[in-house]
Amino acid sequence: MTGIATPALPSYDSGAWDVPLLGDTIGDNLDRTVARHATATHS
C-alpha cells in the first residue's frame, strides 16, 4: 500500500432497464428537493 487514500465514488447501477436512473446520489437528490421547496410553508 502506498498510504494514499482514493476518494470513494458514488455507487451506481442501472441494470437492464429501459428507463435510465437519475445518475445522482440520494443525498444530491434530497438537497435538490429541499432547495426547490425551501420557501414552502406548512399549516
C-alpha atoms as a PDB file:
ATOM      1  CA  MET A   1       0.000   0.000   0.000  1.00  0.00           C
ATOM      2  CA  THR A   2       1.152   3.492  -0.766  1.00  0.00           C
ATOM      3  CA  GLY A   3      -0.731   5.254   2.021  1.00  0.00           C
ATOM      4  CA  ILE A   4      -2.621   7.448  -0.460  1.00  0.00           C
ATOM      5  CA  ALA A   5      -6.368   7.338   0.030  1.00  0.00           C
ATOM      6  CA  THR A   6      -8.544   7.092  -3.046  1.00  0.00           C
ATOM      7  CA  PRO A   7     -11.776   9.101  -2.825  1.00  0.00           C
ATOM      8  CA  ALA A   8     -14.883   6.935  -2.762  1.00  0.00           C
ATOM      9  CA  LEU A   9     -17.101   7.154  -5.816  1.00  0.00           C
ATOM     10  CA  PRO A  10     -20.895   7.210  -5.534  1.00  0.00           C
ATOM     11  CA  SER A  11     -22.482   3.811  -6.033  1.00  0.00           C
ATOM     12  CA  TYR A  12     -24.383   3.469  -9.294  1.00  0.00           C
ATOM     13  CA  ASP A  13     -26.056   0.564 -11.020  1.00  0.00           C
ATOM     14  CA  SER A  14     -28.697   0.768 -13.718  1.00  0.00           C
ATOM     15  CA  GLY A  15     -29.262  -2.892 -14.526  1.00  0.00           C
ATOM     16  CA  ALA A  16     -31.224  -3.969 -17.586  1.00  0.00           C
ATOM     17  CA  TRP A  17     -33.944  -1.355 -17.645  1.00  0.00           C
ATOM     18  CA  ASP A  18     -35.274   0.830 -20.461  1.00  0.00           C
ATOM     19  CA  VAL A  19     -35.524   3.958 -18.292  1.00  0.00           C
ATOM     20  CA  PRO A  20     -32.153   5.297 -17.066  1.00  0.00           C
ATOM     21  CA  LEU A  21     -31.617   6.174 -13.419  1.00  0.00           C
ATOM     22  CA  LEU A  22     -31.253   9.801 -12.347  1.00  0.00           C
ATOM     23  CA  GLY A  23     -27.477   9.493 -12.169  1.00  0.00           C
ATOM     24  CA  ASP A  24     -27.104  11.176  -8.786  1.00  0.00           C
ATOM     25  CA  THR A  25     -26.949  10.105  -5.163  1.00  0.00           C
ATOM     26  CA  ILE A  26     -29.843  10.083  -2.701  1.00  0.00           C
ATOM     27  CA  GLY A  27     -28.166  12.957  -0.854  1.00  0.00           C
ATOM     28  CA  ASP A  28     -27.833  15.053  -4.020  1.00  0.00           C
ATOM     29  CA  ASN A  29     -31.456  14.372  -4.893  1.00  0.00           C
ATOM     30  CA  LEU A  30     -32.613  15.278  -1.373  1.00  0.00           C
ATOM     31  CA  ASP A  31     -30.570  18.517  -1.407  1.00  0.00           C
ATOM     32  CA  ARG A  32     -32.179  19.486  -4.722  1.00  0.00           C
ATOM     33  CA  THR A  33     -35.665  18.690  -3.395  1.00  0.00           C
ATOM     34  CA  VAL A  34     -35.125  20.705  -0.207  1.00  0.00           C
ATOM     35  CA  ALA A  35     -33.819  23.681  -2.195  1.00  0.00           C
ATOM     36  CA  ARG A  36     -36.809  23.503  -4.536  1.00  0.00           C
ATOM     37  CA  HIS A  37     -39.272  23.542  -1.613  1.00  0.00           C
ATOM     38  CA  ALA A  38     -37.333  25.763   0.792  1.00  0.00           C
ATOM     39  CA  THR A  39     -39.905  28.560   0.689  1.00  0.00           C
ATOM     40  CA  ALA A  40     -42.934  26.303   1.173  1.00  0.00           C
ATOM     41  CA  THR A  41     -44.942  26.933   4.327  1.00  0.00           C
ATOM     42  CA  HIS A  42     -46.710  24.330   6.397  1.00  0.00           C
ATOM     43  CA  SER A  43     -50.023  24.930   8.127  1.00  0.00           C
END
